[in-house]
Amino acid sequence: MSRNKPFLLQFIIVGGFLLFLYIFFALATAIYRDYKLEVNIAKFGNEIDSLADMANQKPKDVLYYQSLAFKDKYAKESLNLLNPGEKLIIIPQEEQIVKSEVVIDRLDNSDILKLPNRNQWWEYFFGHTLSLKVPEEPAIGTQDRTSPQPADKVDEEPAPDVQG
C-alpha cells in the first residue's frame, strides 16, 4: 500500500493540474469571445448612429432640393442661365491667369539658314517649323503697293463694286 499511495497522489496532482488547465483555457476563450462581442456591438452601434443621422438628413435634403435657392443655383451652374437683370462676371483663378511674357525656345528662320545642311534637314522634319522661306527684307523708305494701308491712314472709303 505504501507504493500505491505515491502513485495515487501523483495521479491526483496531474489530474488536478489538467483540470486547472482546462478551466483556465475555457475561461480565457470565454473572456476573448466576450471582448470580440463587445467590439462588434460598439461597431454596430456606431453604424446605427450614422444611419440614423443619414435618415434624419434625408427630409432636409428633399426640402433643400425643392427650394428656389437650389433651383436657382442649379440653373446658373449647370445650365448657364441668369435671372432677369443679372450680369455675369468671370473672375479667373490664380492658376488660370495667362502670363504675358512667353518664352519660346526655338530657332528663327534666319537662324535655321545659318545651320549646317544636316541640321537644317533635322529642323525641317523634326523641328518646330515644317517649311522655311527666306525672309524678305523690304528696302528702307519703300512700301509695297500691293499691301493694304494701315486702317488709321485710310483717307477715303473705297467705292462699292457695283455690277449691273
C-alpha atoms as a PDB file:
ATOM      1  CA  MET A   1       0.000   0.000   0.000  1.00  0.00           C
ATOM      2  CA  SER A   2       2.769   2.340   0.543  1.00  0.00           C
ATOM      3  CA  ARG A   3       3.738   2.034  -3.077  1.00  0.00           C
ATOM      4  CA  ASN A   4       0.202   2.654  -4.217  1.00  0.00           C
ATOM      5  CA  LYS A   5      -0.113   5.841  -2.256  1.00  0.00           C
ATOM      6  CA  PRO A   6       2.551   7.847  -4.090  1.00  0.00           C
ATOM      7  CA  PHE A   7       1.141   6.718  -7.469  1.00  0.00           C
ATOM      8  CA  LEU A   8      -2.368   7.740  -6.444  1.00  0.00           C
ATOM      9  CA  LEU A   9      -1.051  11.051  -5.142  1.00  0.00           C
ATOM     10  CA  GLN A  10       0.805  11.705  -8.399  1.00  0.00           C
ATOM     11  CA  PHE A  11      -2.308  10.799 -10.385  1.00  0.00           C
ATOM     12  CA  ILE A  12      -4.431  13.189  -8.332  1.00  0.00           C
ATOM     13  CA  ILE A  13      -1.868  16.001  -8.718  1.00  0.00           C
ATOM     14  CA  VAL A  14      -1.580  15.536 -12.518  1.00  0.00           C
ATOM     15  CA  GLY A  15      -5.365  15.231 -12.830  1.00  0.00           C
ATOM     16  CA  GLY A  16      -5.858  18.409 -10.806  1.00  0.00           C
ATOM     17  CA  PHE A  17      -3.275  20.239 -12.918  1.00  0.00           C
ATOM     18  CA  LEU A  18      -5.006  19.131 -16.158  1.00  0.00           C
ATOM     19  CA  LEU A  19      -8.383  20.186 -14.728  1.00  0.00           C
ATOM     20  CA  PHE A  20      -6.884  23.566 -13.790  1.00  0.00           C
ATOM     21  CA  LEU A  21      -5.507  23.993 -17.390  1.00  0.00           C
ATOM     22  CA  TYR A  22      -8.893  23.076 -18.889  1.00  0.00           C
ATOM     23  CA  ILE A  23     -10.765  25.542 -16.668  1.00  0.00           C
ATOM     24  CA  PHE A  24      -8.172  28.275 -17.390  1.00  0.00           C
ATOM     25  CA  PHE A  25      -8.404  27.666 -21.159  1.00  0.00           C
ATOM     26  CA  ALA A  26     -12.237  27.709 -21.060  1.00  0.00           C
ATOM     27  CA  LEU A  27     -12.222  30.919 -19.026  1.00  0.00           C
ATOM     28  CA  ALA A  28      -9.695  32.611 -21.376  1.00  0.00           C
ATOM     29  CA  THR A  29     -11.698  31.697 -24.506  1.00  0.00           C
ATOM     30  CA  ALA A  30     -14.932  32.946 -22.885  1.00  0.00           C
ATOM     31  CA  ILE A  31     -13.306  36.279 -21.968  1.00  0.00           C
ATOM     32  CA  TYR A  32     -11.924  36.646 -25.534  1.00  0.00           C
ATOM     33  CA  ARG A  33     -15.369  35.881 -27.052  1.00  0.00           C
ATOM     34  CA  ASP A  34     -16.985  38.472 -24.764  1.00  0.00           C
ATOM     35  CA  TYR A  35     -14.364  41.060 -25.791  1.00  0.00           C
ATOM     36  CA  LYS A  36     -14.956  40.425 -29.522  1.00  0.00           C
ATOM     37  CA  LEU A  37     -18.717  40.592 -28.942  1.00  0.00           C
ATOM     38  CA  GLU A  38     -18.372  43.965 -27.184  1.00  0.00           C
ATOM     39  CA  VAL A  39     -16.236  45.296 -30.067  1.00  0.00           C
ATOM     40  CA  ASN A  40     -18.854  44.183 -32.604  1.00  0.00           C
ATOM     41  CA  ILE A  41     -21.666  45.712 -30.539  1.00  0.00           C
ATOM     42  CA  ALA A  42     -19.805  49.040 -30.394  1.00  0.00           C
ATOM     43  CA  LYS A  43     -19.147  48.930 -34.155  1.00  0.00           C
ATOM     44  CA  PHE A  44     -22.798  48.194 -34.941  1.00  0.00           C
ATOM     45  CA  GLY A  45     -23.871  50.945 -32.527  1.00  0.00           C
ATOM     46  CA  ASN A  46     -21.716  53.444 -34.449  1.00  0.00           C
ATOM     47  CA  GLU A  47     -23.197  52.237 -37.761  1.00  0.00           C
ATOM     48  CA  ILE A  48     -26.725  52.600 -36.351  1.00  0.00           C
ATOM     49  CA  ASP A  49     -25.943  56.164 -35.245  1.00  0.00           C
ATOM     50  CA  SER A  50     -24.547  57.113 -38.666  1.00  0.00           C
ATOM     51  CA  LEU A  51     -27.543  55.541 -40.454  1.00  0.00           C
ATOM     52  CA  ALA A  52     -29.915  57.395 -38.119  1.00  0.00           C
ATOM     53  CA  ASP A  53     -28.116  60.670 -38.915  1.00  0.00           C
ATOM     54  CA  MET A  54     -28.416  59.949 -42.633  1.00  0.00           C
ATOM     55  CA  ALA A  55     -32.112  59.118 -42.239  1.00  0.00           C
ATOM     56  CA  ASN A  56     -32.683  62.389 -40.369  1.00  0.00           C
ATOM     57  CA  GLN A  57     -30.796  64.311 -43.071  1.00  0.00           C
ATOM     58  CA  LYS A  58     -32.893  62.968 -45.987  1.00  0.00           C
ATOM     59  CA  PRO A  59     -36.022  65.085 -45.339  1.00  0.00           C
ATOM     60  CA  LYS A  60     -33.807  68.173 -45.022  1.00  0.00           C
ATOM     61  CA  ASP A  61     -32.173  67.316 -48.356  1.00  0.00           C
ATOM     62  CA  VAL A  62     -35.567  66.902 -50.024  1.00  0.00           C
ATOM     63  CA  LEU A  63     -36.671  70.312 -48.753  1.00  0.00           C
ATOM     64  CA  TYR A  64     -33.427  71.889 -49.997  1.00  0.00           C
ATOM     65  CA  TYR A  65     -33.716  70.305 -53.470  1.00  0.00           C
ATOM     66  CA  GLN A  66     -37.277  71.606 -53.729  1.00  0.00           C
ATOM     67  CA  SER A  67     -36.318  75.146 -52.691  1.00  0.00           C
ATOM     68  CA  LEU A  68     -35.892  78.080 -55.059  1.00  0.00           C
ATOM     69  CA  ALA A  69     -32.304  78.581 -53.886  1.00  0.00           C
ATOM     70  CA  PHE A  70     -31.271  75.144 -55.183  1.00  0.00           C
ATOM     71  CA  LYS A  71     -33.166  75.573 -58.440  1.00  0.00           C
ATOM     72  CA  ASP A  72     -31.509  78.956 -58.989  1.00  0.00           C
ATOM     73  CA  LYS A  73     -28.056  77.567 -58.190  1.00  0.00           C
ATOM     74  CA  TYR A  74     -28.584  74.550 -60.464  1.00  0.00           C
ATOM     75  CA  ALA A  75     -29.799  76.741 -63.338  1.00  0.00           C
ATOM     76  CA  LYS A  76     -26.785  79.019 -63.017  1.00  0.00           C
ATOM     77  CA  GLU A  77     -24.108  76.337 -62.621  1.00  0.00           C
ATOM     78  CA  SER A  78     -25.361  73.541 -64.846  1.00  0.00           C
ATOM     79  CA  LEU A  79     -27.482  75.287 -67.461  1.00  0.00           C
ATOM     80  CA  ASN A  80     -25.574  78.610 -67.613  1.00  0.00           C
ATOM     81  CA  LEU A  81     -28.745  80.625 -67.104  1.00  0.00           C
ATOM     82  CA  LEU A  82     -29.135  84.017 -65.402  1.00  0.00           C
ATOM     83  CA  ASN A  83     -32.051  85.703 -63.690  1.00  0.00           C
ATOM     84  CA  PRO A  84     -33.504  88.761 -65.446  1.00  0.00           C
ATOM     85  CA  GLY A  85     -31.355  91.810 -64.773  1.00  0.00           C
ATOM     86  CA  GLU A  86     -28.286  89.818 -63.649  1.00  0.00           C
ATOM     87  CA  LYS A  87     -24.902  90.181 -65.290  1.00  0.00           C
ATOM     88  CA  LEU A  88     -22.194  87.542 -65.345  1.00  0.00           C
ATOM     89  CA  ILE A  89     -18.727  88.463 -64.130  1.00  0.00           C
ATOM     90  CA  ILE A  90     -15.973  85.884 -64.506  1.00  0.00           C
ATOM     91  CA  ILE A  91     -13.018  86.297 -62.169  1.00  0.00           C
ATOM     92  CA  PRO A  92     -10.196  83.967 -63.193  1.00  0.00           C
ATOM     93  CA  GLN A  93      -8.442  81.999 -60.519  1.00  0.00           C
ATOM     94  CA  GLU A  94      -4.730  82.424 -59.979  1.00  0.00           C
ATOM     95  CA  GLU A  95      -3.885  79.295 -61.992  1.00  0.00           C
ATOM     96  CA  GLN A  96      -5.965  80.484 -64.951  1.00  0.00           C
ATOM     97  CA  ILE A  97      -4.223  83.840 -65.361  1.00  0.00           C
ATOM     98  CA  VAL A  98      -2.127  83.804 -68.520  1.00  0.00           C
ATOM     99  CA  LYS A  99       1.258  85.418 -68.179  1.00  0.00           C
ATOM    100  CA  SER A 100       2.062  87.996 -70.817  1.00  0.00           C
ATOM    101  CA  GLU A 101       5.691  87.003 -71.154  1.00  0.00           C
ATOM    102  CA  VAL A 102       6.035  83.742 -73.048  1.00  0.00           C
ATOM    103  CA  VAL A 103       9.499  82.461 -73.759  1.00  0.00           C
ATOM    104  CA  ILE A 104       9.715  80.335 -76.872  1.00  0.00           C
ATOM    105  CA  ASP A 105      12.891  78.351 -77.248  1.00  0.00           C
ATOM    106  CA  ARG A 106      13.026  77.686 -80.949  1.00  0.00           C
ATOM    107  CA  LEU A 107      15.054  78.869 -83.862  1.00  0.00           C
ATOM    108  CA  ASP A 108      14.098  81.720 -86.190  1.00  0.00           C
ATOM    109  CA  ASN A 109      14.078  81.177 -89.912  1.00  0.00           C
ATOM    110  CA  SER A 110      17.245  83.239 -90.240  1.00  0.00           C
ATOM    111  CA  ASP A 111      18.918  81.147 -87.538  1.00  0.00           C
ATOM    112  CA  ILE A 112      17.963  77.914 -89.290  1.00  0.00           C
ATOM    113  CA  LEU A 113      19.530  79.111 -92.538  1.00  0.00           C
ATOM    114  CA  LYS A 114      22.830  79.592 -90.712  1.00  0.00           C
ATOM    115  CA  LEU A 115      22.919  75.952 -89.555  1.00  0.00           C
ATOM    116  CA  PRO A 116      24.752  73.188 -91.446  1.00  0.00           C
ATOM    117  CA  ASN A 117      22.718  71.327 -94.060  1.00  0.00           C
ATOM    118  CA  ARG A 118      22.136  68.186 -91.980  1.00  0.00           C
ATOM    119  CA  ASN A 119      20.812  70.309 -89.088  1.00  0.00           C
ATOM    120  CA  GLN A 120      18.526  72.223 -91.456  1.00  0.00           C
ATOM    121  CA  TRP A 121      17.057  68.910 -92.623  1.00  0.00           C
ATOM    122  CA  TRP A 122      16.664  67.845 -88.974  1.00  0.00           C
ATOM    123  CA  GLU A 123      14.778  71.057 -88.206  1.00  0.00           C
ATOM    124  CA  TYR A 124      12.692  70.602 -91.352  1.00  0.00           C
ATOM    125  CA  PHE A 125      11.489  67.099 -90.377  1.00  0.00           C
ATOM    126  CA  PHE A 126      11.603  67.147 -86.583  1.00  0.00           C
ATOM    127  CA  GLY A 127      11.786  70.800 -85.566  1.00  0.00           C
ATOM    128  CA  HIS A 128       9.053  73.336 -84.875  1.00  0.00           C
ATOM    129  CA  THR A 129       8.910  74.619 -88.429  1.00  0.00           C
ATOM    130  CA  LEU A 130       7.696  72.450 -91.278  1.00  0.00           C
ATOM    131  CA  SER A 131       8.510  74.830 -94.085  1.00  0.00           C
ATOM    132  CA  LEU A 132      11.094  77.515 -94.426  1.00  0.00           C
ATOM    133  CA  LYS A 133      11.041  80.616 -96.547  1.00  0.00           C
ATOM    134  CA  VAL A 134      13.823  83.082 -96.915  1.00  0.00           C
ATOM    135  CA  PRO A 135      12.724  86.246 -95.129  1.00  0.00           C
ATOM    136  CA  GLU A 136      12.235  89.179 -97.453  1.00  0.00           C
ATOM    137  CA  GLU A 137      13.513  92.463 -96.162  1.00  0.00           C
ATOM    138  CA  PRO A 138      11.931  95.494 -97.867  1.00  0.00           C
ATOM    139  CA  ALA A 139      14.192  98.384 -98.684  1.00  0.00           C
ATOM    140  CA  ILE A 140      14.120 101.246 -96.238  1.00  0.00           C
ATOM    141  CA  GLY A 141      11.776 104.023 -97.287  1.00  0.00           C
ATOM    142  CA  THR A 142       9.830 101.967 -99.830  1.00  0.00           C
ATOM    143  CA  GLN A 143       6.433 100.499 -99.278  1.00  0.00           C
ATOM    144  CA  ASP A 144       4.866  97.640-101.184  1.00  0.00           C
ATOM    145  CA  ARG A 145       1.957  98.951-103.227  1.00  0.00           C
ATOM    146  CA  THR A 146       0.026  95.659-103.026  1.00  0.00           C
ATOM    147  CA  SER A 147      -0.049  95.644 -99.248  1.00  0.00           C
ATOM    148  CA  PRO A 148      -3.044  97.393 -97.719  1.00  0.00           C
ATOM    149  CA  GLN A 149      -2.541 100.637 -95.873  1.00  0.00           C
ATOM    150  CA  PRO A 150      -2.986 100.680 -92.142  1.00  0.00           C
ATOM    151  CA  ALA A 151      -6.535 101.426 -91.027  1.00  0.00           C
ATOM    152  CA  ASP A 152      -5.613 104.686 -89.343  1.00  0.00           C
ATOM    153  CA  LYS A 153      -4.086 106.114 -92.580  1.00  0.00           C
ATOM    154  CA  VAL A 154      -7.039 105.460 -94.890  1.00  0.00           C
ATOM    155  CA  ASP A 155      -8.265 108.819 -96.214  1.00  0.00           C
ATOM    156  CA  GLU A 156     -11.236 107.830 -98.234  1.00  0.00           C
ATOM    157  CA  GLU A 157     -13.648 104.962 -98.191  1.00  0.00           C
ATOM    158  CA  PRO A 158     -13.414 102.503-101.050  1.00  0.00           C
ATOM    159  CA  ALA A 159     -16.195 102.767-103.584  1.00  0.00           C
ATOM    160  CA  PRO A 160     -18.603  99.833-103.612  1.00  0.00           C
ATOM    161  CA  ASP A 161     -18.208  97.449-106.510  1.00  0.00           C
ATOM    162  CA  VAL A 162     -21.450  97.590-108.463  1.00  0.00           C
ATOM    163  CA  GLN A 163     -22.106  95.251-111.330  1.00  0.00           C
ATOM    164  CA  GLY A 164     -25.259  95.526-113.158  1.00  0.00           C
END
